[in-house]
Amino acid sequence: MGSVEVNAFLTHLAVEGRVSASTQNQALTRPRLPVVMIVEEVRAVLERLEGVEALVAGSAVRGRASPVANGFREAVGGIAATGAGS
């Protein structure tokens, strides 16, 4: 069921089912269709990323931890191991 069908159904309820206008308006603001991107759209977005965002997104797409996250873990681990910062 797409947005056209949802709108038609809610209008039917308001006109024939005597649902109040405020109830209809509230219902119209509720439906959110899922957003799905096709491969070409994802590729277009990824090609526009630069810097850290590109590293993080590229790693996420490949299913690996990002170099930024790995570096952060190493830095935090180093601080914890040496007792620095306490």
N, C-alpha and C. Protein backbone atom coordinates (compact mmCIF):
# COMPACT_ATOMS: atom_id res chain seq x y z
N MET A 1 0.85 -1.17 0.00
CA MET A 1 0.00 0.00 0.00
C MET A 1 0.90 1.23 0.00
N GLY A 2 0.74 2.07 -1.00
CA GLY A 2 1.53 3.28 -1.11
C GLY A 2 0.83 4.48 -0.49
N SER A 3 1.48 5.64 -0.59
CA SER A 3 0.93 6.85 0.03
C SER A 3 -0.41 7.26 -0.58
N VAL A 4 -0.59 7.01 -1.88
CA VAL A 4 -1.86 7.35 -2.52
C VAL A 4 -3.00 6.54 -1.91
N GLU A 5 -2.76 5.25 -1.73
CA GLU A 5 -3.80 4.38 -1.15
C GLU A 5 -4.08 4.74 0.31
N VAL A 6 -3.03 5.06 1.05
CA VAL A 6 -3.21 5.44 2.46
C VAL A 6 -4.04 6.72 2.55
N ASN A 7 -3.71 7.71 1.72
CA ASN A 7 -4.48 8.96 1.71
C ASN A 7 -5.93 8.73 1.33
N ALA A 8 -6.15 7.89 0.33
CA ALA A 8 -7.52 7.59 -0.10
C ALA A 8 -8.29 6.90 1.02
N PHE A 9 -7.68 5.97 1.70
CA PHE A 9 -8.34 5.27 2.80
C PHE A 9 -8.68 6.22 3.94
N LEU A 10 -7.74 7.09 4.30
CA LEU A 10 -8.00 8.04 5.39
C LEU A 10 -9.08 9.05 5.01
N THR A 11 -9.11 9.45 3.75
CA THR A 11 -10.17 10.34 3.29
C THR A 11 -11.52 9.63 3.36
N HIS A 12 -11.54 8.38 2.95
CA HIS A 12 -12.77 7.57 3.04
C HIS A 12 -13.25 7.51 4.50
N LEU A 13 -12.33 7.28 5.43
CA LEU A 13 -12.72 7.23 6.84
C LEU A 13 -13.30 8.56 7.31
N ALA A 14 -12.69 9.65 6.86
CA ALA A 14 -13.16 10.97 7.29
C ALA A 14 -14.54 11.28 6.71
N VAL A 15 -14.77 10.93 5.45
CA VAL A 15 -16.02 11.27 4.79
C VAL A 15 -17.12 10.28 5.14
N GLU A 16 -16.85 9.01 4.97
CA GLU A 16 -17.88 7.99 5.15
C GLU A 16 -17.92 7.42 6.56
N GLY A 17 -16.77 7.38 7.21
CA GLY A 17 -16.72 6.82 8.55
C GLY A 17 -16.90 7.88 9.61
N ARG A 18 -17.03 9.12 9.16
CA ARG A 18 -17.25 10.27 10.06
C ARG A 18 -16.17 10.40 11.13
N VAL A 19 -14.93 10.19 10.70
CA VAL A 19 -13.78 10.41 11.58
C VAL A 19 -13.50 11.91 11.56
N SER A 20 -13.17 12.47 12.70
CA SER A 20 -12.94 13.91 12.77
C SER A 20 -11.74 14.31 11.92
N ALA A 21 -11.73 15.58 11.50
CA ALA A 21 -10.64 16.09 10.68
C ALA A 21 -9.31 16.02 11.44
N SER A 22 -9.34 16.28 12.75
CA SER A 22 -8.09 16.23 13.52
C SER A 22 -7.54 14.81 13.59
N THR A 23 -8.44 13.82 13.68
CA THR A 23 -8.00 12.42 13.69
C THR A 23 -7.40 12.06 12.33
N GLN A 24 -8.05 12.51 11.26
CA GLN A 24 -7.53 12.24 9.92
C GLN A 24 -6.16 12.89 9.74
N ASN A 25 -6.02 14.14 10.16
CA ASN A 25 -4.73 14.84 10.01
C ASN A 25 -3.64 14.16 10.82
N GLN A 26 -3.98 13.71 12.02
CA GLN A 26 -2.99 13.00 12.83
C GLN A 26 -2.56 11.71 12.14
N ALA A 27 -3.52 10.99 11.59
CA ALA A 27 -3.20 9.73 10.89
C ALA A 27 -2.36 9.99 9.64
N LEU A 28 -2.61 11.09 8.96
CA LEU A 28 -1.84 11.41 7.74
C LEU A 28 -0.37 11.69 8.05
N THR A 29 -0.09 12.17 9.24
CA THR A 29 1.31 12.46 9.58
C THR A 29 2.05 11.24 10.09
N ARG A 30 1.35 10.16 10.37
CA ARG A 30 1.97 8.96 10.94
C ARG A 30 2.65 8.03 9.94
N PRO A 31 2.02 7.71 8.80
CA PRO A 31 2.64 6.70 7.92
C PRO A 31 3.99 7.15 7.40
N ARG A 32 4.99 6.33 7.58
CA ARG A 32 6.33 6.58 7.05
C ARG A 32 6.74 5.34 6.28
N LEU A 33 6.93 5.51 5.00
CA LEU A 33 7.36 4.38 4.18
C LEU A 33 8.86 4.19 4.35
N PRO A 34 9.33 2.96 4.37
CA PRO A 34 10.77 2.74 4.52
C PRO A 34 11.53 3.27 3.31
N VAL A 35 12.71 3.80 3.58
CA VAL A 35 13.55 4.32 2.51
C VAL A 35 14.59 3.26 2.17
N VAL A 36 14.62 2.87 0.94
CA VAL A 36 15.56 1.86 0.47
C VAL A 36 16.32 2.46 -0.70
N MET A 37 17.63 2.37 -0.62
CA MET A 37 18.45 2.92 -1.70
C MET A 37 18.97 1.77 -2.55
N ILE A 38 18.97 2.00 -3.86
CA ILE A 38 19.53 1.00 -4.76
C ILE A 38 21.05 1.17 -4.81
N VAL A 39 21.72 0.20 -5.33
CA VAL A 39 23.20 0.18 -5.35
C VAL A 39 23.77 1.45 -5.97
N GLU A 40 23.21 1.90 -7.06
CA GLU A 40 23.73 3.09 -7.73
C GLU A 40 23.60 4.33 -6.84
N GLU A 41 22.51 4.42 -6.08
CA GLU A 41 22.32 5.56 -5.18
C GLU A 41 23.33 5.54 -4.04
N VAL A 42 23.58 4.36 -3.49
CA VAL A 42 24.57 4.23 -2.43
C VAL A 42 25.94 4.61 -2.96
N ARG A 43 26.27 4.11 -4.12
CA ARG A 43 27.56 4.42 -4.74
C ARG A 43 27.72 5.93 -4.94
N ALA A 44 26.67 6.61 -5.40
CA ALA A 44 26.72 8.05 -5.63
C ALA A 44 26.97 8.81 -4.32
N VAL A 45 26.34 8.37 -3.24
CA VAL A 45 26.55 9.01 -1.95
C VAL A 45 27.98 8.78 -1.48
N LEU A 46 28.45 7.54 -1.55
CA LEU A 46 29.81 7.22 -1.09
C LEU A 46 30.88 7.96 -1.87
N GLU A 47 30.64 8.18 -3.16
CA GLU A 47 31.62 8.88 -3.98
C GLU A 47 31.77 10.35 -3.59
N ARG A 48 30.78 10.91 -2.92
CA ARG A 48 30.82 12.31 -2.52
C ARG A 48 31.45 12.52 -1.14
N LEU A 49 31.68 11.43 -0.39
CA LEU A 49 32.25 11.55 0.94
C LEU A 49 33.75 11.79 0.86
N GLU A 50 34.25 12.53 1.84
CA GLU A 50 35.69 12.81 1.91
C GLU A 50 36.17 12.63 3.35
N GLY A 51 37.46 12.46 3.50
CA GLY A 51 38.07 12.43 4.82
C GLY A 51 37.59 11.28 5.69
N VAL A 52 37.36 11.61 6.96
CA VAL A 52 36.99 10.60 7.95
C VAL A 52 35.69 9.91 7.56
N GLU A 53 34.72 10.70 7.07
CA GLU A 53 33.44 10.12 6.68
C GLU A 53 33.62 9.04 5.62
N ALA A 54 34.51 9.27 4.66
CA ALA A 54 34.76 8.28 3.62
C ALA A 54 35.40 7.03 4.19
N LEU A 55 36.33 7.21 5.13
CA LEU A 55 36.98 6.05 5.75
C LEU A 55 35.98 5.21 6.52
N VAL A 56 35.15 5.86 7.32
CA VAL A 56 34.18 5.14 8.14
C VAL A 56 33.16 4.44 7.27
N ALA A 57 32.61 5.15 6.29
CA ALA A 57 31.59 4.57 5.41
C ALA A 57 32.17 3.42 4.60
N GLY A 58 33.36 3.60 4.06
CA GLY A 58 33.99 2.55 3.27
C GLY A 58 34.24 1.30 4.07
N SER A 59 34.66 1.47 5.32
CA SER A 59 34.89 0.31 6.18
C SER A 59 33.58 -0.38 6.53
N ALA A 60 32.54 0.41 6.76
CA ALA A 60 31.23 -0.16 7.10
C ALA A 60 30.69 -0.98 5.93
N VAL A 61 30.88 -0.49 4.72
CA VAL A 61 30.39 -1.19 3.54
C VAL A 61 31.12 -2.53 3.37
N ARG A 62 32.41 -2.52 3.70
CA ARG A 62 33.20 -3.76 3.57
C ARG A 62 33.06 -4.66 4.78
N GLY A 63 32.33 -4.21 5.82
CA GLY A 63 32.09 -5.04 6.99
C GLY A 63 33.26 -5.14 7.94
N ARG A 64 34.14 -4.14 7.91
CA ARG A 64 35.28 -4.13 8.83
C ARG A 64 35.19 -2.91 9.73
N ALA A 65 35.91 -2.96 10.83
CA ALA A 65 35.99 -1.79 11.70
C ALA A 65 36.77 -0.71 10.97
N SER A 66 36.39 0.53 11.17
CA SER A 66 37.07 1.62 10.47
C SER A 66 38.46 1.85 11.06
N PRO A 67 39.36 2.36 10.23
CA PRO A 67 40.70 2.69 10.75
C PRO A 67 40.63 3.72 11.87
N VAL A 68 39.67 4.63 11.79
CA VAL A 68 39.51 5.64 12.83
C VAL A 68 39.14 4.97 14.15
N ALA A 69 38.16 4.06 14.10
CA ALA A 69 37.74 3.36 15.31
C ALA A 69 38.88 2.52 15.86
N ASN A 70 39.62 1.85 15.00
CA ASN A 70 40.76 1.04 15.45
C ASN A 70 41.82 1.91 16.12
N GLY A 71 42.12 3.05 15.52
CA GLY A 71 43.11 3.97 16.09
C GLY A 71 42.65 4.49 17.44
N PHE A 72 41.36 4.79 17.55
CA PHE A 72 40.81 5.27 18.82
C PHE A 72 40.94 4.20 19.90
N ARG A 73 40.59 2.95 19.55
CA ARG A 73 40.71 1.85 20.51
C ARG A 73 42.16 1.67 20.96
N GLU A 74 43.10 1.77 20.01
CA GLU A 74 44.52 1.62 20.37
C GLU A 74 44.98 2.74 21.28
N ALA A 75 44.53 3.96 20.99
CA ALA A 75 44.93 5.10 21.82
C ALA A 75 44.36 4.96 23.23
N VAL A 76 43.10 4.61 23.32
CA VAL A 76 42.47 4.44 24.63
C VAL A 76 43.12 3.27 25.37
N GLY A 77 43.37 2.19 24.66
CA GLY A 77 44.03 1.04 25.28
C GLY A 77 45.41 1.40 25.79
N GLY A 78 46.16 2.19 25.02
CA GLY A 78 47.49 2.63 25.44
C GLY A 78 47.44 3.49 26.68
N ILE A 79 46.47 4.36 26.76
CA ILE A 79 46.31 5.23 27.94
C ILE A 79 45.97 4.38 29.16
N ALA A 80 45.06 3.44 28.97
CA ALA A 80 44.64 2.58 30.08
C ALA A 80 45.80 1.71 30.57
N ALA A 81 46.59 1.21 29.62
CA ALA A 81 47.70 0.31 29.98
C ALA A 81 48.80 1.04 30.74
N THR A 82 49.05 2.31 30.41
CA THR A 82 50.12 3.04 31.06
C THR A 82 49.65 3.77 32.30
N GLY A 83 48.32 3.84 32.48
CA GLY A 83 47.79 4.56 33.63
C GLY A 83 47.80 6.05 33.42
N ALA A 84 48.13 6.51 32.22
CA ALA A 84 48.14 7.92 31.92
C ALA A 84 46.71 8.45 31.94
N GLY A 85 46.58 9.70 32.29
CA GLY A 85 45.28 10.33 32.30
C GLY A 85 44.53 10.15 33.61
N SER A 86 45.13 9.42 34.58
CA SER A 86 44.43 9.27 35.85
C SER A 86 45.02 10.14 36.91
